[in-house]
Amino acid sequence: MRIFSRLALLSLALVVPGIAQAQSGGTLQKIKETGTVAIGYRESSAPFSYLDDHQKPVGYAMDICMKVVEAVKAELKLPNLKVELTAVTSSNRIPLMANGTIDLECGSTTNNVDRQKQVAFTNTHFLTASIFVAKKSAGVHKIADLKGKTVVSTAGSTNIGQLNKANAEQNLGINIVPGKDHAEGLLMVETGRAAAFVMDDVIVAGLVAAAKDPAVFAVGDEAFSKPEPYAIMLRKDDPSFKALVDATTARVYKTEGEALYAKWFTKPIPPKGIVMNLPLSAAMKKALQNPSDNADPASYGN
């Protein structure tokens, strides 16, 4: 059995080298040995992580991750450290983190207790709530108005779980469709294939602002959740790497957090110069000044 286990692990390591490196000495050793830090980014999660007009990943979370990269360079004395970028989705981001493909996931990922069983998170960089968006002409305002309709939410997101829960608890008979990504979700509403799209409020704001005609959409009057924390995701059970990332993000949030927030949430962002128009809330200001990786939404009250 021991021989079989070792052979199985060796075979897996040959397929995914990051696994053996991450398990043997942690993420910092993996980065030092490869001379590369692997970052997972999202393609359509504006303003956190998305592609600009040059197909380059940019955003609020990407800026934060680049600060972490600089800290890793200094810690390991690797001034020429390379950054390897990998596009991830809601469905594959946790497996790609667990198997060593990526070292940091820089997107719009909710930190919750269930996910902490599989991965770790650094300090909170945003607070969001799960809402729905529909066409104004559809006349849906409350969650109950979605009864019997087709509703889309991104596959692998916490939002689709919240939608399923509300559907069951309220006996709504909603036809729930998993979307490939956030952009597809809004497109399904725009083209009439779904009555509503359930997603985090800030993601909805960004997608609608970038739409061909933002005026056709309306956000529902009810939320599926309390405000929840977003954070950069990293591998579980890697205390040395987490300590470095936590110390870096805590410093950045305290000294540069409000400026970074303003850059991406209150000013024009690439590529079209849209404005998210989401001023810094009292709860968000408190979260930046008191960095925490707490997954409990109640801990972030005003």
Protein backbone atom coordinates (compact mmCIF):
# COMPACT_ATOMS: atom_id res chain seq x y z
CA MET A 1 0.00 0.00 0.00
CA ARG A 2 2.83 2.39 0.83
CA ILE A 3 4.57 1.61 -2.47
CA PHE A 4 1.32 2.15 -4.34
CA SER A 5 0.71 5.47 -2.60
CA ARG A 6 4.19 6.69 -3.40
CA LEU A 7 3.88 5.65 -7.02
CA ALA A 8 0.49 7.32 -7.27
CA LEU A 9 1.86 10.55 -5.79
CA LEU A 10 4.90 10.44 -8.09
CA SER A 11 2.66 9.89 -11.11
CA LEU A 12 0.45 12.81 -10.09
CA ALA A 13 3.47 15.03 -9.49
CA LEU A 14 4.73 14.29 -13.02
CA VAL A 15 1.42 15.48 -14.42
CA VAL A 16 1.15 18.48 -12.13
CA PRO A 17 4.64 19.43 -10.85
CA GLY A 18 3.24 22.14 -8.58
CA ILE A 19 1.66 19.52 -6.33
CA ALA A 20 4.95 17.93 -5.28
CA GLN A 21 6.63 21.29 -4.83
CA ALA A 22 3.75 22.76 -2.85
CA GLN A 23 3.53 19.70 -0.60
CA SER A 24 7.27 19.28 0.01
CA GLY A 25 8.20 22.81 1.02
CA GLY A 26 5.27 25.10 0.56
CA THR A 27 4.53 27.84 -1.94
CA LEU A 28 7.62 29.95 -1.21
CA GLN A 29 9.93 27.01 -1.92
CA LYS A 30 7.98 26.20 -5.10
CA ILE A 31 8.36 29.81 -6.25
CA LYS A 32 12.07 29.87 -5.38
CA GLU A 33 12.78 26.64 -7.24
CA THR A 34 10.83 27.61 -10.37
CA GLY A 35 11.65 31.34 -10.36
CA THR A 36 7.96 31.89 -11.11
CA VAL A 37 4.86 32.92 -9.18
CA ALA A 38 1.63 31.65 -10.73
CA ILE A 39 -1.38 33.96 -10.65
CA GLY A 40 -4.95 33.03 -11.51
CA TYR A 41 -7.04 35.85 -12.97
CA ARG A 42 -10.63 36.30 -14.15
CA GLU A 43 -11.52 37.41 -17.66
CA SER A 44 -14.74 39.31 -16.90
CA SER A 45 -14.87 40.22 -13.20
CA ALA A 46 -14.50 43.99 -13.54
CA PRO A 47 -13.19 45.92 -11.73
CA PHE A 48 -11.43 43.17 -9.73
CA SER A 49 -9.82 41.13 -12.49
CA TYR A 50 -10.61 41.34 -16.20
CA LEU A 51 -9.05 41.80 -19.63
CA ASP A 52 -8.35 45.28 -20.99
CA ASP A 53 -8.28 46.24 -24.68
CA HIS A 54 -4.83 44.62 -25.01
CA GLN A 55 -6.12 41.35 -23.49
CA LYS A 56 -4.01 42.05 -20.40
CA PRO A 57 -5.43 41.17 -16.96
CA VAL A 58 -6.03 44.33 -14.92
CA GLY A 59 -8.10 45.33 -11.92
CA TYR A 60 -8.30 46.04 -8.21
CA ALA A 61 -7.43 42.46 -7.19
CA MET A 62 -4.64 42.33 -9.78
CA ASP A 63 -3.08 45.48 -8.30
CA ILE A 64 -3.17 43.88 -4.86
CA CYS A 65 -1.59 40.68 -6.16
CA MET A 66 1.20 42.63 -7.81
CA LYS A 67 1.99 44.14 -4.38
CA VAL A 68 2.26 40.58 -3.06
CA VAL A 69 4.55 39.64 -5.95
CA GLU A 70 6.88 42.51 -5.00
CA ALA A 71 6.93 41.26 -1.40
CA VAL A 72 7.77 37.72 -2.58
CA LYS A 73 10.61 39.11 -4.71
CA ALA A 74 12.05 40.86 -1.66
CA GLU A 75 11.53 37.88 0.66
CA LEU A 76 13.22 35.39 -1.68
CA LYS A 77 15.74 37.89 -3.10
CA LEU A 78 14.52 37.18 -6.62
CA PRO A 79 14.44 40.55 -8.46
CA ASN A 80 13.81 38.78 -11.78
CA LEU A 81 10.89 36.71 -10.51
CA LYS A 82 8.56 35.84 -13.38
CA VAL A 83 4.77 36.04 -13.22
CA GLU A 84 2.82 33.27 -14.94
CA LEU A 85 -0.81 34.19 -15.66
CA THR A 86 -3.60 31.62 -15.91
CA ALA A 87 -7.26 32.42 -16.63
CA VAL A 88 -9.58 30.78 -14.10
CA THR A 89 -13.33 30.46 -13.71
CA SER A 90 -15.66 30.10 -10.74
CA SER A 91 -15.72 26.35 -11.37
CA ASN A 92 -12.01 25.59 -11.66
CA ARG A 93 -10.31 28.19 -9.44
CA ILE A 94 -10.29 26.02 -6.28
CA PRO A 95 -9.04 22.83 -8.02
CA LEU A 96 -6.30 24.81 -9.78
CA MET A 97 -5.24 26.28 -6.45
CA ALA A 98 -5.29 22.90 -4.71
CA ASN A 99 -3.24 21.11 -7.40
CA GLY A 100 -0.50 23.75 -7.49
CA THR A 101 -1.29 25.28 -10.89
CA ILE A 102 -1.77 28.74 -9.34
CA ASP A 103 -0.30 30.27 -6.18
CA LEU A 104 -2.61 33.28 -5.85
CA GLU A 105 -6.15 33.70 -7.17
CA CYS A 106 -6.74 37.34 -7.92
CA GLY A 107 -10.41 37.83 -8.66
CA SER A 108 -13.77 38.26 -6.97
CA THR A 109 -13.84 35.24 -4.70
CA THR A 110 -15.97 35.11 -1.56
CA ASN A 111 -14.25 33.95 1.60
CA ASN A 112 -16.61 31.60 3.44
CA VAL A 113 -16.38 28.78 5.95
CA ASP A 114 -17.05 26.02 3.41
CA ARG A 115 -14.26 27.19 1.11
CA GLN A 116 -11.85 27.47 4.02
CA LYS A 117 -12.02 23.68 4.27
CA GLN A 118 -10.25 23.52 0.90
CA VAL A 119 -8.24 26.74 0.56
CA ALA A 120 -7.05 29.74 2.55
CA PHE A 121 -7.73 33.46 2.19
CA THR A 122 -5.82 36.58 3.05
CA ASN A 123 -7.35 39.80 4.42
CA THR A 124 -10.67 41.04 3.05
CA HIS A 125 -10.43 43.59 0.23
CA PHE A 126 -14.14 44.06 -0.56
CA LEU A 127 -17.62 43.50 0.87
CA THR A 128 -20.47 42.49 -1.42
CA ALA A 129 -24.05 41.23 -1.37
CA SER A 130 -25.80 38.80 -3.75
CA ILE A 131 -28.52 40.48 -5.84
CA PHE A 132 -30.31 40.00 -9.15
CA VAL A 133 -30.52 42.11 -12.29
CA ALA A 134 -33.25 41.96 -14.93
CA LYS A 135 -34.57 44.01 -17.80
CA LYS A 136 -36.75 46.90 -16.64
CA SER A 137 -39.42 45.70 -19.05
CA ALA A 138 -39.64 42.36 -17.21
CA GLY A 139 -41.19 44.01 -14.16
CA VAL A 140 -39.39 41.83 -11.60
CA HIS A 141 -38.50 43.62 -8.38
CA LYS A 142 -38.71 41.07 -5.54
CA ILE A 143 -37.28 37.57 -5.29
CA ALA A 144 -40.85 36.25 -5.32
CA ASP A 145 -41.31 37.84 -8.77
CA LEU A 146 -38.86 35.27 -10.16
CA LYS A 147 -41.28 32.42 -9.49
CA GLY A 148 -41.51 29.99 -12.40
CA LYS A 149 -38.96 31.91 -14.47
CA THR A 150 -35.55 30.98 -15.86
CA VAL A 151 -32.76 32.55 -13.83
CA VAL A 152 -29.02 32.32 -14.50
CA SER A 153 -26.09 32.50 -12.10
CA THR A 154 -22.42 31.73 -12.65
CA ALA A 155 -21.46 28.06 -12.24
CA GLY A 156 -19.33 27.40 -9.16
CA SER A 157 -20.22 30.70 -7.47
CA THR A 158 -21.68 31.16 -3.98
CA ASN A 159 -24.53 33.01 -5.69
CA ILE A 160 -25.91 29.97 -7.47
CA GLY A 161 -25.98 28.18 -4.12
CA GLN A 162 -27.89 31.07 -2.55
CA LEU A 163 -30.32 31.04 -5.49
CA ASN A 164 -30.89 27.30 -5.10
CA LYS A 165 -31.52 27.76 -1.38
CA ALA A 166 -34.07 30.55 -1.90
CA ASN A 167 -35.74 28.55 -4.66
CA ALA A 168 -36.20 25.55 -2.36
CA GLU A 169 -37.16 27.45 0.78
CA GLN A 170 -39.71 29.67 -0.98
CA ASN A 171 -40.97 26.97 -3.37
CA LEU A 172 -40.47 29.29 -6.33
CA GLY A 173 -40.11 26.70 -9.08
CA ILE A 174 -37.30 28.68 -10.71
CA ASN A 175 -35.47 27.07 -13.63
CA ILE A 176 -31.86 27.68 -12.56
CA VAL A 177 -29.28 27.75 -15.36
CA PRO A 178 -25.52 27.78 -14.61
CA GLY A 179 -23.64 30.30 -16.74
CA LYS A 180 -20.04 29.82 -17.89
CA ASP A 181 -19.00 33.21 -16.54
CA HIS A 182 -20.43 36.55 -15.44
CA ALA A 183 -20.51 38.03 -18.94
CA GLU A 184 -22.60 35.12 -20.21
CA GLY A 185 -25.04 35.61 -17.34
CA LEU A 186 -25.88 39.19 -18.26
CA LEU A 187 -25.94 38.31 -21.96
CA MET A 188 -28.62 35.69 -21.29
CA VAL A 189 -30.77 38.38 -19.67
CA GLU A 190 -30.06 40.83 -22.47
CA THR A 191 -31.06 38.30 -25.14
CA GLY A 192 -34.17 37.07 -23.30
CA ARG A 193 -32.86 33.60 -22.49
CA ALA A 194 -33.17 34.31 -18.77
CA ALA A 195 -35.41 36.62 -16.76
CA ALA A 196 -32.68 37.54 -14.28
CA PHE A 197 -29.01 37.09 -13.43
CA VAL A 198 -27.99 36.50 -9.80
CA MET A 199 -24.52 37.74 -8.87
CA ASP A 200 -22.60 39.96 -6.46
CA ASP A 201 -23.73 43.57 -6.55
CA VAL A 202 -20.37 44.98 -7.63
CA ILE A 203 -20.01 42.47 -10.48
CA VAL A 204 -23.49 43.38 -11.68
CA ALA A 205 -22.62 47.09 -11.48
CA GLY A 206 -19.55 46.60 -13.65
CA LEU A 207 -21.29 44.45 -16.25
CA VAL A 208 -24.25 46.79 -16.56
CA ALA A 209 -22.02 49.87 -16.80
CA ALA A 210 -20.16 48.24 -19.70
CA ALA A 211 -23.30 47.01 -21.48
CA LYS A 212 -24.44 48.39 -24.85
CA ASP A 213 -27.44 50.05 -23.21
CA PRO A 214 -27.21 50.12 -19.40
CA ALA A 215 -30.60 51.84 -19.19
CA VAL A 216 -32.47 48.65 -20.11
CA PHE A 217 -31.45 46.93 -16.87
CA ALA A 218 -32.74 47.25 -13.32
CA VAL A 219 -31.45 45.76 -10.08
CA GLY A 220 -33.93 43.93 -7.82
CA ASP A 221 -35.09 45.40 -4.53
CA GLU A 222 -34.09 42.37 -2.44
CA ALA A 223 -30.75 40.68 -1.80
CA PHE A 224 -30.01 36.96 -1.46
CA SER A 225 -27.36 37.55 1.22
CA LYS A 226 -25.79 39.86 3.78
CA PRO A 227 -22.59 41.64 2.70
CA GLU A 228 -19.86 39.01 2.28
CA PRO A 229 -16.06 39.33 2.20
CA TYR A 230 -13.95 39.01 -0.94
CA ALA A 231 -10.30 38.05 -0.55
CA ILE A 232 -7.26 36.81 -2.47
CA MET A 233 -7.21 33.02 -2.32
CA LEU A 234 -4.13 30.89 -1.59
CA ARG A 235 -3.34 27.29 -0.69
CA LYS A 236 -4.45 25.85 2.63
CA ASP A 237 -1.98 24.71 5.32
CA ASP A 238 0.89 26.89 4.12
CA PRO A 239 1.51 29.18 7.13
CA SER A 240 4.75 30.78 5.91
CA PHE A 241 3.26 31.93 2.61
CA LYS A 242 0.02 33.04 4.24
CA ALA A 243 1.97 35.04 6.84
CA LEU A 244 3.80 36.90 4.07
CA VAL A 245 0.63 37.54 2.08
CA ASP A 246 -1.30 38.62 5.19
CA ALA A 247 1.43 41.04 6.29
CA THR A 248 1.67 42.50 2.77
CA THR A 249 -2.06 42.98 2.25
CA ALA A 250 -2.49 44.42 5.76
CA ARG A 251 0.19 47.02 5.04
CA VAL A 252 -1.22 47.82 1.60
CA TYR A 253 -4.82 48.15 2.83
CA LYS A 254 -3.85 50.43 5.70
CA THR A 255 -1.58 52.70 3.67
CA GLU A 256 -2.88 52.50 0.09
CA GLY A 257 -6.26 50.78 0.37
CA GLU A 258 -8.48 53.82 0.02
CA ALA A 259 -6.49 55.14 -2.96
CA LEU A 260 -6.63 51.74 -4.69
CA TYR A 261 -10.35 51.54 -4.00
CA ALA A 262 -10.95 55.01 -5.48
CA LYS A 263 -8.91 54.11 -8.57
CA TRP A 264 -11.15 51.18 -9.45
CA PHE A 265 -14.55 52.03 -7.96
CA THR A 266 -15.02 55.80 -8.30
CA LYS A 267 -12.91 56.77 -11.34
CA PRO A 268 -13.02 55.80 -15.04
CA ILE A 269 -11.48 52.38 -15.65
CA PRO A 270 -10.12 50.80 -18.85
CA PRO A 271 -10.85 50.00 -21.56
CA LYS A 272 -14.00 52.10 -22.06
CA GLY A 273 -13.63 54.57 -19.21
CA ILE A 274 -16.74 53.38 -17.38
CA VAL A 275 -17.27 54.45 -13.78
CA MET A 276 -18.47 51.93 -11.21
CA ASN A 277 -19.73 54.78 -9.01
CA LEU A 278 -19.39 52.80 -5.77
CA PRO A 279 -18.10 55.18 -3.05
CA LEU A 280 -16.22 53.71 -0.10
CA SER A 281 -18.74 52.63 2.53
CA ALA A 282 -18.19 52.93 6.27
CA ALA A 283 -17.99 49.11 6.56
CA MET A 284 -15.47 48.91 3.73
CA LYS A 285 -13.33 51.68 5.23
CA LYS A 286 -13.33 49.81 8.54
CA ALA A 287 -12.31 46.57 6.80
CA LEU A 288 -9.33 48.27 5.13
CA GLN A 289 -8.13 49.89 8.34
CA ASN A 290 -8.62 46.72 10.41
CA PRO A 291 -7.42 43.91 8.10
CA SER A 292 -8.99 40.52 8.80
CA ASP A 293 -9.48 37.19 7.05
CA ASN A 294 -12.73 36.55 8.97
CA ALA A 295 -15.31 34.76 6.82
CA ASP A 296 -18.29 35.80 8.97
CA PRO A 297 -20.32 38.60 7.30
CA ALA A 298 -21.54 39.74 10.75
CA SER A 299 -17.99 40.74 11.69
CA TYR A 300 -17.98 43.51 9.09
CA GLY A 301 -20.88 45.59 10.40
CA ASN A 302 -20.66 49.38 10.48
